[in-house]
C-alpha atoms as a PDB file:
ATOM      1  CA  MET A   1       5.039  64.887 -19.533  1.00  0.00           C
ATOM      2  CA  GLY A   2       5.640  65.116 -23.270  1.00  0.00           C
ATOM      3  CA  PRO A   3       3.913  63.496 -26.220  1.00  0.00           C
ATOM      4  CA  PRO A   4       3.047  59.798 -26.221  1.00  0.00           C
ATOM      5  CA  ARG A   5       4.505  57.278 -28.639  1.00  0.00           C
ATOM      6  CA  LEU A   6       2.187  56.818 -31.623  1.00  0.00           C
ATOM      7  CA  THR A   7       2.834  53.755 -33.773  1.00  0.00           C
ATOM      8  CA  LEU A   8       1.197  53.557 -37.194  1.00  0.00           C
ATOM      9  CA  THR A   9       0.513  50.113 -38.654  1.00  0.00           C
ATOM     10  CA  ASN A  10      -1.387  48.835 -41.683  1.00  0.00           C
ATOM     11  CA  ALA A  11      -4.289  47.892 -39.432  1.00  0.00           C
ATOM     12  CA  GLY A  12      -4.445  51.229 -37.567  1.00  0.00           C
ATOM     13  CA  LEU A  13      -2.447  52.813 -34.802  1.00  0.00           C
ATOM     14  CA  SER A  14      -1.532  52.480 -31.164  1.00  0.00           C
ATOM     15  CA  VAL A  15      -0.737  55.146 -28.594  1.00  0.00           C
ATOM     16  CA  GLU A  16       1.219  54.579 -25.404  1.00  0.00           C
ATOM     17  CA  TYR A  17       3.600  56.490 -23.187  1.00  0.00           C
ATOM     18  CA  PRO A  18       7.262  55.441 -23.013  1.00  0.00           C
ATOM     19  CA  TRP A  19       8.005  53.354 -19.913  1.00  0.00           C
ATOM     20  CA  PHE A  20      10.497  55.876 -18.563  1.00  0.00           C
ATOM     21  CA  ARG A  21       7.765  58.516 -18.105  1.00  0.00           C
ATOM     22  CA  GLY A  22       5.847  56.239 -15.759  1.00  0.00           C
ATOM     23  CA  ALA A  23       9.056  55.247 -14.001  1.00  0.00           C
ATOM     24  CA  GLY A  24       9.945  58.929 -13.620  1.00  0.00           C
ATOM     25  CA  ALA A  25       6.599  59.641 -11.974  1.00  0.00           C
ATOM     26  CA  LEU A  26       7.133  56.717  -9.599  1.00  0.00           C
ATOM     27  CA  ALA A  27      10.611  58.042  -8.744  1.00  0.00           C
ATOM     28  CA  ALA A  28       9.052  61.439  -8.015  1.00  0.00           C
ATOM     29  CA  ALA A  29       6.549  59.658  -5.753  1.00  0.00           C
ATOM     30  CA  LEU A  30       9.417  58.061  -3.855  1.00  0.00           C
ATOM     31  CA  GLY A  31      11.067  61.459  -3.451  1.00  0.00           C
ATOM     32  CA  ALA A  32       7.841  63.032  -2.173  1.00  0.00           C
ATOM     33  CA  ALA A  33       7.318  60.134   0.245  1.00  0.00           C
ATOM     34  CA  LEU A  34      10.859  60.544   1.593  1.00  0.00           C
ATOM     35  CA  LEU A  35      10.234  64.271   1.942  1.00  0.00           C
ATOM     36  CA  ALA A  36       7.053  63.535   3.897  1.00  0.00           C
ATOM     37  CA  LEU A  37       9.024  61.334   6.271  1.00  0.00           C
ATOM     38  CA  THR A  38      11.516  64.116   7.020  1.00  0.00           C
ATOM     39  CA  MET A  39       8.891  66.786   7.764  1.00  0.00           C
ATOM     40  CA  ARG A  40       8.191  67.597  11.397  1.00  0.00           C
ATOM     41  CA  ARG A  41       5.026  69.644  10.943  1.00  0.00           C
ATOM     42  CA  VAL A  42       1.762  67.947  10.112  1.00  0.00           C
ATOM     43  CA  TRP A  43       0.541  70.060   7.167  1.00  0.00           C
ATOM     44  CA  PRO A  44       3.763  69.928   5.133  1.00  0.00           C
ATOM     45  CA  ARG A  45       3.882  66.176   5.802  1.00  0.00           C
ATOM     46  CA  VAL A  46       0.289  65.797   4.588  1.00  0.00           C
ATOM     47  CA  ALA A  47       1.023  67.904   1.492  1.00  0.00           C
ATOM     48  CA  ALA A  48       4.113  65.860   0.619  1.00  0.00           C
ATOM     49  CA  GLY A  49       2.176  62.648   1.210  1.00  0.00           C
ATOM     50  CA  ALA A  50      -0.586  63.859  -1.111  1.00  0.00           C
ATOM     51  CA  MET A  51       2.015  64.705  -3.763  1.00  0.00           C
ATOM     52  CA  ALA A  52       3.449  61.196  -3.400  1.00  0.00           C
ATOM     53  CA  ALA A  53       0.016  59.603  -3.789  1.00  0.00           C
ATOM     54  CA  LEU A  54      -0.740  61.712  -6.862  1.00  0.00           C
ATOM     55  CA  ALA A  55       2.618  60.836  -8.432  1.00  0.00           C
ATOM     56  CA  VAL A  56       1.975  57.112  -7.842  1.00  0.00           C
ATOM     57  CA  ALA A  57      -1.409  57.429  -9.573  1.00  0.00           C
ATOM     58  CA  VAL A  58       0.114  59.317 -12.526  1.00  0.00           C
ATOM     59  CA  GLY A  59       2.966  56.810 -12.840  1.00  0.00           C
ATOM     60  CA  ALA A  60       0.603  53.840 -12.746  1.00  0.00           C
ATOM     61  CA  HIS A  61      -1.655  55.499 -15.338  1.00  0.00           C
ATOM     62  CA  LEU A  62       1.249  56.179 -17.690  1.00  0.00           C
ATOM     63  CA  LEU A  63       2.490  52.598 -17.402  1.00  0.00           C
ATOM     64  CA  ALA A  64      -0.983  51.070 -17.950  1.00  0.00           C
ATOM     65  CA  TYR A  65      -2.289  53.400 -20.681  1.00  0.00           C
ATOM     66  CA  ARG A  66      -2.693  52.092 -24.218  1.00  0.00           C
ATOM     67  CA  LEU A  67      -5.026  53.204 -26.992  1.00  0.00           C
ATOM     68  CA  GLU A  68      -5.498  51.076 -30.102  1.00  0.00           C
ATOM     69  CA  ALA A  69      -7.434  51.795 -33.268  1.00  0.00           C
ATOM     70  CA  ASP A  70      -7.481  48.632 -35.365  1.00  0.00           C
ATOM     71  CA  ALA A  71      -9.858  46.935 -37.792  1.00  0.00           C
ATOM     72  CA  ALA A  72     -12.235  45.850 -34.994  1.00  0.00           C
ATOM     73  CA  GLY A  73     -12.643  49.167 -33.218  1.00  0.00           C
ATOM     74  CA  LEU A  74     -11.174  51.633 -30.777  1.00  0.00           C
ATOM     75  CA  SER A  75      -9.965  50.284 -27.436  1.00  0.00           C
ATOM     76  CA  ALA A  76      -8.506  52.071 -24.449  1.00  0.00           C
ATOM     77  CA  ARG A  77      -6.749  50.457 -21.501  1.00  0.00           C
ATOM     78  CA  GLY A  78      -5.923  52.254 -18.293  1.00  0.00           C
ATOM     79  CA  LEU A  79      -6.195  52.014 -14.537  1.00  0.00           C
ATOM     80  CA  GLY A  80      -9.983  51.789 -14.773  1.00  0.00           C
ATOM     81  CA  GLY A  81      -9.915  48.742 -17.040  1.00  0.00           C
ATOM     82  CA  ARG A  82     -10.451  48.344 -20.764  1.00  0.00           C
ATOM     83  CA  ARG A  83     -13.168  49.917 -22.905  1.00  0.00           C
ATOM     84  CA  VAL A  84     -13.901  48.997 -26.508  1.00  0.00           C
ATOM     85  CA  VAL A  85     -16.141  50.602 -29.130  1.00  0.00           C
ATOM     86  CA  ALA A  86     -16.535  48.684 -32.407  1.00  0.00           C
ATOM     87  CA  TRP A  87     -16.468  50.924 -35.489  1.00  0.00           C
ATOM     88  CA  PRO A  88     -20.003  50.047 -36.667  1.00  0.00           C
ATOM     89  CA  ALA A  89     -21.287  50.851 -33.154  1.00  0.00           C
ATOM     90  CA  VAL A  90     -19.882  54.408 -33.045  1.00  0.00           C
ATOM     91  CA  SER A  91     -22.808  56.792 -32.593  1.00  0.00           C
ATOM     92  CA  ARG A  92     -20.825  60.025 -32.495  1.00  0.00           C
ATOM     93  CA  VAL A  93     -17.371  61.544 -32.184  1.00  0.00           C
ATOM     94  CA  GLU A  94     -16.881  64.737 -30.207  1.00  0.00           C
ATOM     95  CA  GLY A  95     -13.773  66.850 -30.436  1.00  0.00           C
ATOM     96  CA  GLY A  96     -12.435  69.757 -28.487  1.00  0.00           C
ATOM     97  CA  PRO A  97      -9.126  71.541 -28.137  1.00  0.00           C
ATOM     98  CA  GLY A  98      -7.679  68.938 -25.765  1.00  0.00           C
ATOM     99  CA  ALA A  99      -9.723  65.777 -26.264  1.00  0.00           C
ATOM    100  CA  ILE A 100     -11.413  63.423 -28.692  1.00  0.00           C
ATOM    101  CA  VAL A 101     -14.404  61.464 -27.394  1.00  0.00           C
ATOM    102  CA  VAL A 102     -15.742  58.410 -29.239  1.00  0.00           C
ATOM    103  CA  VAL A 103     -19.190  57.299 -28.084  1.00  0.00           C
ATOM    104  CA  GLY A 104     -20.703  53.904 -28.876  1.00  0.00           C
ATOM    105  CA  ALA A 105     -24.354  53.081 -29.428  1.00  0.00           C
ATOM    106  CA  ASP A 106     -24.541  51.724 -25.857  1.00  0.00           C
ATOM    107  CA  GLU A 107     -23.089  55.056 -24.583  1.00  0.00           C
ATOM    108  CA  THR A 108     -19.651  53.532 -23.942  1.00  0.00           C
ATOM    109  CA  ARG A 109     -17.285  56.507 -24.001  1.00  0.00           C
ATOM    110  CA  ILE A 110     -13.610  56.498 -24.842  1.00  0.00           C
ATOM    111  CA  GLU A 111     -12.076  59.854 -23.996  1.00  0.00           C
ATOM    112  CA  VAL A 112      -8.640  60.488 -25.475  1.00  0.00           C
ATOM    113  CA  ASP A 113      -6.782  63.327 -23.785  1.00  0.00           C
ATOM    114  CA  THR A 114      -4.784  64.896 -26.611  1.00  0.00           C
ATOM    115  CA  THR A 115      -3.212  67.788 -24.710  1.00  0.00           C
ATOM    116  CA  ASP A 116       0.226  66.102 -24.826  1.00  0.00           C
ATOM    117  CA  PHE A 117      -0.086  65.059 -28.478  1.00  0.00           C
ATOM    118  CA  ARG A 118       1.897  66.832 -31.153  1.00  0.00           C
ATOM    119  CA  ALA A 119      -0.305  68.327 -33.894  1.00  0.00           C
ATOM    120  CA  GLU A 120       0.587  65.607 -36.403  1.00  0.00           C
ATOM    121  CA  GLN A 121      -0.185  62.879 -33.836  1.00  0.00           C
ATOM    122  CA  ARG A 122      -3.661  64.262 -33.208  1.00  0.00           C
ATOM    123  CA  ALA A 123      -4.243  64.612 -36.955  1.00  0.00           C
ATOM    124  CA  SER A 124      -3.195  60.973 -37.513  1.00  0.00           C
ATOM    125  CA  LEU A 125      -5.573  59.797 -34.794  1.00  0.00           C
ATOM    126  CA  GLU A 126      -8.448  61.874 -36.199  1.00  0.00           C
ATOM    127  CA  ARG A 127      -7.836  60.566 -39.740  1.00  0.00           C
ATOM    128  CA  THR A 128      -7.685  56.955 -38.525  1.00  0.00           C
ATOM    129  CA  ILE A 129     -10.939  57.311 -36.577  1.00  0.00           C
ATOM    130  CA  ALA A 130     -12.708  58.961 -39.528  1.00  0.00           C
ATOM    131  CA  ARG A 131     -11.435  56.328 -42.003  1.00  0.00           C
ATOM    132  CA  ARG A 132     -12.419  53.411 -39.764  1.00  0.00           C
ATOM    133  CA  ILE A 133     -15.899  54.835 -39.148  1.00  0.00           C
ATOM    134  CA  ARG A 134     -16.417  55.270 -42.916  1.00  0.00           C
ATOM    135  CA  GLU A 135     -15.201  51.729 -43.558  1.00  0.00           C
ATOM    136  CA  GLY A 136     -17.436  50.371 -40.774  1.00  0.00           C
ATOM    137  CA  ALA A 137     -20.480  52.176 -42.154  1.00  0.00           C
ATOM    138  CA  SER A 138     -19.857  51.000 -45.723  1.00  0.00           C
ATOM    139  CA  SER A 139     -19.458  47.348 -44.682  1.00  0.00           C
ATOM    140  CA  HIS A 140     -22.873  47.245 -42.992  1.00  0.00           C
END
Protein backbone atom coordinates (compact mmCIF):
# COMPACT_ATOMS: atom_id res chain seq x y z
CA MET A 1 0.00 0.00 0.00
CA GLY A 2 2.84 2.41 0.68
CA PRO A 3 3.34 5.06 3.34
CA PRO A 4 0.57 7.51 4.24
CA ARG A 5 0.80 11.25 3.73
CA LEU A 6 1.99 12.94 6.93
CA THR A 7 1.47 16.70 7.11
CA LEU A 8 3.30 18.66 9.80
CA THR A 9 1.74 21.91 11.02
CA ASN A 10 2.49 24.32 13.85
CA ALA A 11 -0.36 22.81 15.85
CA GLY A 12 0.66 19.17 15.29
CA LEU A 13 0.32 16.73 12.45
CA SER A 14 -2.18 14.83 10.37
CA VAL A 15 -1.90 11.45 8.70
CA GLU A 16 -4.03 10.27 5.80
CA TYR A 17 -3.67 8.05 2.77
CA PRO A 18 -3.69 9.60 -0.71
CA TRP A 19 -7.09 9.27 -2.41
CA PHE A 20 -5.69 7.20 -5.26
CA ARG A 21 -4.79 4.33 -2.90
CA GLY A 22 -8.40 3.96 -1.83
CA ALA A 23 -9.56 4.33 -5.42
CA GLY A 24 -7.06 1.66 -6.47
CA ALA A 25 -8.45 -0.75 -3.89
CA LEU A 26 -11.98 -0.06 -5.12
CA ALA A 27 -10.85 -0.70 -8.72
CA ALA A 28 -9.34 -4.01 -7.57
CA ALA A 29 -12.69 -4.82 -5.93
CA LEU A 30 -14.45 -4.19 -9.23
CA GLY A 31 -11.99 -6.48 -11.00
CA ALA A 32 -12.50 -9.25 -8.43
CA ALA A 33 -16.28 -8.87 -8.68
CA LEU A 34 -16.11 -9.15 -12.48
CA LEU A 35 -13.90 -12.21 -12.09
CA ALA A 36 -16.46 -13.75 -9.74
CA LEU A 37 -19.17 -13.22 -12.34
CA THR A 38 -17.18 -15.08 -15.00
CA MET A 39 -16.42 -18.14 -12.84
CA ARG A 40 -18.50 -21.25 -13.42
CA ARG A 41 -17.48 -23.22 -10.33
CA VAL A 42 -18.84 -22.27 -6.94
CA TRP A 43 -15.63 -22.18 -4.85
CA PRO A 44 -13.61 -19.96 -7.20
CA ARG A 45 -16.65 -17.67 -7.45
CA VAL A 46 -16.90 -17.50 -3.65
CA ALA A 47 -13.15 -16.82 -3.35
CA ALA A 48 -13.28 -14.02 -5.92
CA GLY A 49 -16.35 -12.58 -4.22
CA ALA A 50 -14.56 -12.63 -0.87
CA MET A 51 -11.57 -10.87 -2.45
CA ALA A 52 -13.93 -8.22 -3.84
CA ALA A 53 -15.55 -7.68 -0.44
CA LEU A 54 -12.16 -7.39 1.26
CA ALA A 55 -10.94 -4.90 -1.36
CA VAL A 56 -14.07 -2.77 -0.87
CA ALA A 57 -13.44 -2.72 2.89
CA VAL A 58 -9.77 -1.78 2.41
CA GLY A 59 -10.65 0.94 -0.11
CA ALA A 60 -13.31 2.42 2.15
CA HIS A 61 -10.91 2.35 5.11
CA LEU A 62 -8.17 4.12 3.15
CA LEU A 63 -10.58 6.81 1.96
CA ALA A 64 -12.05 7.40 5.45
CA TYR A 65 -8.86 7.17 7.54
CA ARG A 66 -7.45 10.31 9.14
CA LEU A 67 -5.32 10.73 12.25
CA GLU A 68 -4.78 14.17 13.78
CA ALA A 69 -2.56 15.22 16.65
CA ASP A 70 -3.34 18.85 17.47
CA ALA A 71 -3.40 21.05 20.56
CA ALA A 72 -6.61 19.42 21.89
CA GLY A 73 -5.60 15.78 21.60
CA LEU A 74 -5.22 12.79 19.34
CA SER A 75 -8.16 11.89 17.11
CA ALA A 76 -8.63 9.03 14.69
CA ARG A 77 -11.36 8.71 12.09
CA GLY A 78 -12.11 5.54 10.19
CA LEU A 79 -14.90 3.21 9.19
CA GLY A 80 -15.76 2.58 12.84
CA GLY A 81 -16.32 6.26 13.61
CA ARG A 82 -14.17 8.83 15.37
CA ARG A 83 -12.24 8.41 18.61
CA VAL A 84 -10.58 11.23 20.54
CA VAL A 85 -8.19 11.23 23.49
CA ALA A 86 -7.37 14.63 25.00
CA TRP A 87 -3.70 15.04 25.92
CA PRO A 88 -4.31 15.56 29.67
CA ALA A 89 -6.44 12.38 29.68
CA VAL A 90 -3.72 10.10 28.24
CA SER A 91 -3.03 7.37 30.79
CA ARG A 92 -0.40 5.48 28.82
CA VAL A 93 1.23 5.04 25.43
CA GLU A 94 2.21 1.59 24.23
CA GLY A 95 4.54 0.99 21.33
CA GLY A 96 5.53 -2.03 19.35
CA PRO A 97 7.28 -2.72 16.08
CA GLY A 98 4.18 -2.03 13.98
CA ALA A 99 1.86 0.06 16.14
CA ILE A 100 1.50 2.91 18.60
CA VAL A 101 -1.43 2.73 21.03
CA VAL A 102 -2.59 5.79 22.97
CA VAL A 103 -4.94 4.98 25.86
CA GLY A 104 -7.10 7.55 27.62
CA ALA A 105 -8.12 7.60 31.27
CA ASP A 106 -11.54 6.20 30.27
CA GLU A 107 -9.77 3.34 28.40
CA THR A 108 -10.48 4.88 24.99
CA ARG A 109 -7.84 3.37 22.71
CA ILE A 110 -6.44 4.83 19.53
CA GLU A 111 -4.33 2.26 17.73
CA VAL A 112 -2.11 3.62 14.98
CA ASP A 113 -0.86 0.94 12.59
CA THR A 114 2.61 2.15 11.63
CA THR A 115 3.68 -0.77 9.44
CA ASP A 116 3.36 1.37 6.28
CA PHE A 117 5.06 4.41 7.83
CA ARG A 118 8.57 5.37 6.82
CA ALA A 119 10.98 5.53 9.78
CA GLU A 120 11.00 9.33 9.84
CA GLN A 121 7.18 9.43 9.77
CA ARG A 122 6.92 7.17 12.80
CA ALA A 123 9.59 9.20 14.60
CA SER A 124 7.68 12.44 13.88
CA LEU A 125 4.47 10.93 15.23
CA GLU A 126 6.22 9.63 18.37
CA ARG A 127 7.86 13.03 19.01
CA THR A 128 4.56 14.87 18.54
CA ILE A 129 2.74 12.54 20.94
CA ALA A 130 5.50 12.83 23.56
CA ARG A 131 5.64 16.65 23.25
CA ARG A 132 1.86 17.04 23.49
CA ILE A 133 1.64 14.75 26.53
CA ARG A 134 4.40 16.76 28.27
CA GLU A 135 2.65 20.02 27.42
CA GLY A 136 -0.70 18.63 28.62
CA ALA A 137 0.81 17.48 31.91
CA SER A 138 2.57 20.79 32.55
CA SER A 139 -0.59 22.84 31.91
CA HIS A 140 -2.59 20.97 34.56
